[in-house]
Amino acid sequence: MEQSPDTEPNILITGTPGAGKSYLCERLAEQLKFNWLDCSKIAKDNNFVEEHDDEFDCPILDEEKLMDHLEPLMAKGGNIVEYHGCDFFPERWFEAVFVVTCPNTVLYDRLKDRNYNERKLTSNIECEIFGTILEEAYDSYKEDKVFKLSGETKADADKSLKTVKNWYRMYKRK
């Protein structure tokens, strides 16, 4: 789905839960006037869930239902898609993929505050330590579309916001 020059790009914001995606997406949607598509919320609101994983205390996403729901929205452009995974989205949907990262000590405290159970907390911390989401992004999208951002502090989030907005300005100049 190559975007025409007059169509706004679609942007994916991904990263481990607690890394700072929502904070960034909320500001980007507001400032760029994009449609913020929080895939976890969309899945919950539309019952795009296959079952519940008791070990990790989380729903298991029905990726096909989510993709069918998103396809017409993505065709219009101007979307900021937020999700903690990225390998199942078609590359053609996005002009840029931003992976928000966070040091595991900060992430641990954030996830603990969300009352994640020990198994879920450990799994997400390991995911961040091993750079799983960033690696997934590099494996799934062209390297020049993937950008690493930091979500450790508010200052980092503000810098990440500027980075995405600068990318957008450069994209619009093409």
Protein backbone atom coordinates (compact mmCIF):
# COMPACT_ATOMS: atom_id res chain seq x y z
CA MET A 1 0.00 0.00 0.00
CA GLU A 2 2.23 2.78 -1.25
CA GLN A 3 0.91 6.07 0.00
CA SER A 4 0.25 8.79 -2.53
CA PRO A 5 2.06 12.08 -1.84
CA ASP A 6 -1.13 13.74 -0.59
CA THR A 7 -1.95 10.89 1.83
CA GLU A 8 -0.64 11.06 5.37
CA PRO A 9 1.76 8.25 6.34
CA ASN A 10 0.97 5.47 8.80
CA ILE A 11 3.36 5.15 11.73
CA LEU A 12 3.83 2.17 14.07
CA ILE A 13 4.86 2.80 17.67
CA THR A 14 5.90 -0.46 19.33
CA GLY A 15 7.87 -1.64 22.34
CA THR A 16 7.64 -3.62 25.55
CA PRO A 17 4.63 -2.82 27.77
CA GLY A 18 5.52 0.06 30.08
CA ALA A 19 8.22 1.52 27.82
CA GLY A 20 6.28 4.71 27.09
CA LYS A 21 4.32 4.05 23.89
CA SER A 22 0.97 5.47 25.01
CA TYR A 23 2.49 8.67 26.35
CA LEU A 24 4.19 9.23 23.00
CA CYS A 25 1.16 8.20 20.87
CA GLU A 26 -1.22 10.48 22.72
CA ARG A 27 0.99 13.52 22.07
CA LEU A 28 1.74 12.59 18.46
CA ALA A 29 -1.93 12.06 17.62
CA GLU A 30 -2.78 15.41 19.14
CA GLN A 31 0.08 17.37 17.55
CA LEU A 32 0.09 15.73 14.10
CA LYS A 33 -3.72 15.34 13.98
CA PHE A 34 -3.36 11.62 13.30
CA ASN A 35 -5.76 8.82 14.25
CA TRP A 36 -4.35 6.92 17.27
CA LEU A 37 -5.10 3.20 16.96
CA ASP A 38 -4.33 1.47 20.26
CA CYS A 39 -4.48 -2.16 19.17
CA SER A 40 -4.92 -3.53 22.71
CA LYS A 41 -7.92 -1.26 23.27
CA ILE A 42 -9.36 -2.05 19.81
CA ALA A 43 -9.02 -5.79 20.49
CA LYS A 44 -10.68 -5.46 23.88
CA ASP A 45 -13.51 -3.20 22.64
CA ASN A 46 -14.27 -5.46 19.67
CA ASN A 47 -13.63 -8.81 21.36
CA PHE A 48 -10.73 -9.69 19.04
CA VAL A 49 -9.52 -12.19 21.62
CA GLU A 50 -9.05 -15.92 21.10
CA GLU A 51 -8.72 -16.88 24.76
CA HIS A 52 -7.17 -15.80 28.06
CA ASP A 53 -3.62 -16.79 29.03
CA ASP A 54 -3.79 -17.54 32.75
CA GLU A 55 -0.02 -17.85 33.16
CA PHE A 56 0.58 -14.30 31.90
CA ASP A 57 -2.84 -13.01 32.97
CA CYS A 58 -3.59 -11.49 29.57
CA PRO A 59 -5.86 -11.96 26.56
CA ILE A 60 -4.52 -13.70 23.46
CA LEU A 61 -5.09 -11.51 20.42
CA ASP A 62 -6.96 -12.78 17.38
CA GLU A 63 -4.55 -11.18 14.89
CA GLU A 64 -6.72 -11.92 11.84
CA LYS A 65 -9.76 -10.13 13.25
CA LEU A 66 -7.61 -7.15 14.23
CA MET A 67 -6.00 -7.02 10.78
CA ASP A 68 -9.38 -7.18 9.03
CA HIS A 69 -10.60 -4.32 11.22
CA LEU A 70 -7.49 -2.19 10.60
CA GLU A 71 -7.12 -2.74 6.84
CA PRO A 72 -9.63 -0.06 5.68
CA LEU A 73 -8.32 2.41 8.27
CA MET A 74 -4.73 1.87 7.17
CA ALA A 75 -5.67 2.44 3.52
CA LYS A 76 -6.76 6.00 4.41
CA GLY A 77 -3.39 6.88 6.01
CA GLY A 78 -2.76 9.27 8.89
CA ASN A 79 -2.67 6.59 11.59
CA ILE A 80 -0.44 6.08 14.59
CA VAL A 81 -0.70 2.40 15.47
CA GLU A 82 0.32 1.33 18.96
CA TYR A 83 1.02 -2.26 19.97
CA HIS A 84 3.62 -4.20 21.94
CA GLY A 85 4.37 -6.45 19.00
CA CYS A 86 4.99 -5.75 15.34
CA ASP A 87 5.88 -8.86 13.35
CA PHE A 88 2.34 -9.66 12.16
CA PHE A 89 1.55 -6.25 10.67
CA PRO A 90 2.19 -6.01 6.90
CA GLU A 91 5.24 -3.91 6.07
CA ARG A 92 3.23 -2.10 3.38
CA TRP A 93 1.09 -0.49 6.09
CA PHE A 94 3.87 1.66 7.56
CA GLU A 95 6.24 4.33 6.39
CA ALA A 96 8.03 4.28 9.77
CA VAL A 97 8.32 1.97 12.77
CA PHE A 98 9.43 3.49 16.07
CA VAL A 99 10.49 1.12 18.85
CA VAL A 100 10.30 2.65 22.32
CA THR A 101 12.86 1.16 24.71
CA CYS A 102 13.36 1.58 28.44
CA PRO A 103 16.05 0.45 30.91
CA ASN A 104 14.88 -2.67 32.70
CA THR A 105 15.16 -1.14 36.19
CA VAL A 106 12.73 1.65 35.25
CA LEU A 107 10.53 -0.78 33.33
CA TYR A 108 10.42 -3.15 36.31
CA ASP A 109 9.02 -0.41 38.56
CA ARG A 110 6.43 0.62 35.96
CA LEU A 111 5.21 -2.94 35.46
CA LYS A 112 5.20 -3.61 39.21
CA ASP A 113 2.98 -0.52 39.59
CA ARG A 114 0.60 -2.11 37.05
CA ASN A 115 0.40 -5.18 39.30
CA TYR A 116 1.83 -7.56 36.70
CA ASN A 117 2.18 -11.07 38.12
CA GLU A 118 5.73 -12.35 38.60
CA ARG A 119 5.75 -14.49 35.42
CA LYS A 120 4.43 -11.65 33.23
CA LEU A 121 6.80 -9.14 34.82
CA THR A 122 9.84 -11.38 34.34
CA SER A 123 8.90 -12.16 30.74
CA ASN A 124 8.53 -8.48 29.83
CA ILE A 125 11.79 -7.52 31.54
CA GLU A 126 13.60 -10.31 29.66
CA CYS A 127 12.00 -9.11 26.43
CA GLU A 128 13.46 -5.64 27.04
CA ILE A 129 16.88 -6.95 28.15
CA PHE A 130 17.22 -9.01 24.96
CA GLY A 131 15.85 -6.27 22.71
CA THR A 132 13.18 -8.63 21.40
CA ILE A 133 10.82 -5.98 20.01
CA LEU A 134 13.62 -4.03 18.32
CA GLU A 135 14.93 -7.24 16.75
CA GLU A 136 11.39 -8.15 15.66
CA ALA A 137 11.07 -4.74 14.00
CA TYR A 138 14.38 -5.12 12.15
CA ASP A 139 13.37 -8.62 11.02
CA SER A 140 9.93 -7.47 9.83
CA TYR A 141 10.59 -4.09 8.17
CA LYS A 142 13.21 -2.46 5.98
CA GLU A 143 16.04 -1.19 8.16
CA ASP A 144 15.61 2.42 7.02
CA LYS A 145 12.02 2.38 8.34
CA VAL A 146 12.97 1.33 11.89
CA PHE A 147 13.97 3.84 14.57
CA LYS A 148 14.86 3.28 18.22
CA LEU A 149 13.51 5.71 20.82
CA SER A 150 13.96 5.98 24.58
CA GLY A 151 11.05 6.14 27.01
CA GLU A 152 13.02 6.24 30.27
CA THR A 153 12.22 9.80 31.39
CA LYS A 154 9.84 12.59 30.44
CA ALA A 155 12.81 14.35 28.81
CA ASP A 156 13.43 11.19 26.73
CA ALA A 157 9.76 11.10 25.77
CA ASP A 158 9.91 14.75 24.70
CA LYS A 159 13.03 14.02 22.65
CA SER A 160 11.29 11.00 21.08
CA LEU A 161 8.32 13.21 20.24
CA LYS A 162 10.65 15.64 18.45
CA THR A 163 12.35 12.75 16.64
CA VAL A 164 9.06 11.45 15.24
CA LYS A 165 7.89 14.94 14.30
CA ASN A 166 11.23 15.60 12.55
CA TRP A 167 10.85 12.30 10.67
CA TYR A 168 7.35 13.41 9.64
CA ARG A 169 8.60 16.79 8.37
CA MET A 170 11.28 15.05 6.31
CA TYR A 171 8.71 12.57 4.98
CA LYS A 172 6.43 15.39 3.85
CA ARG A 173 9.32 17.03 1.94
CA LYS A 174 9.82 13.97 -0.28
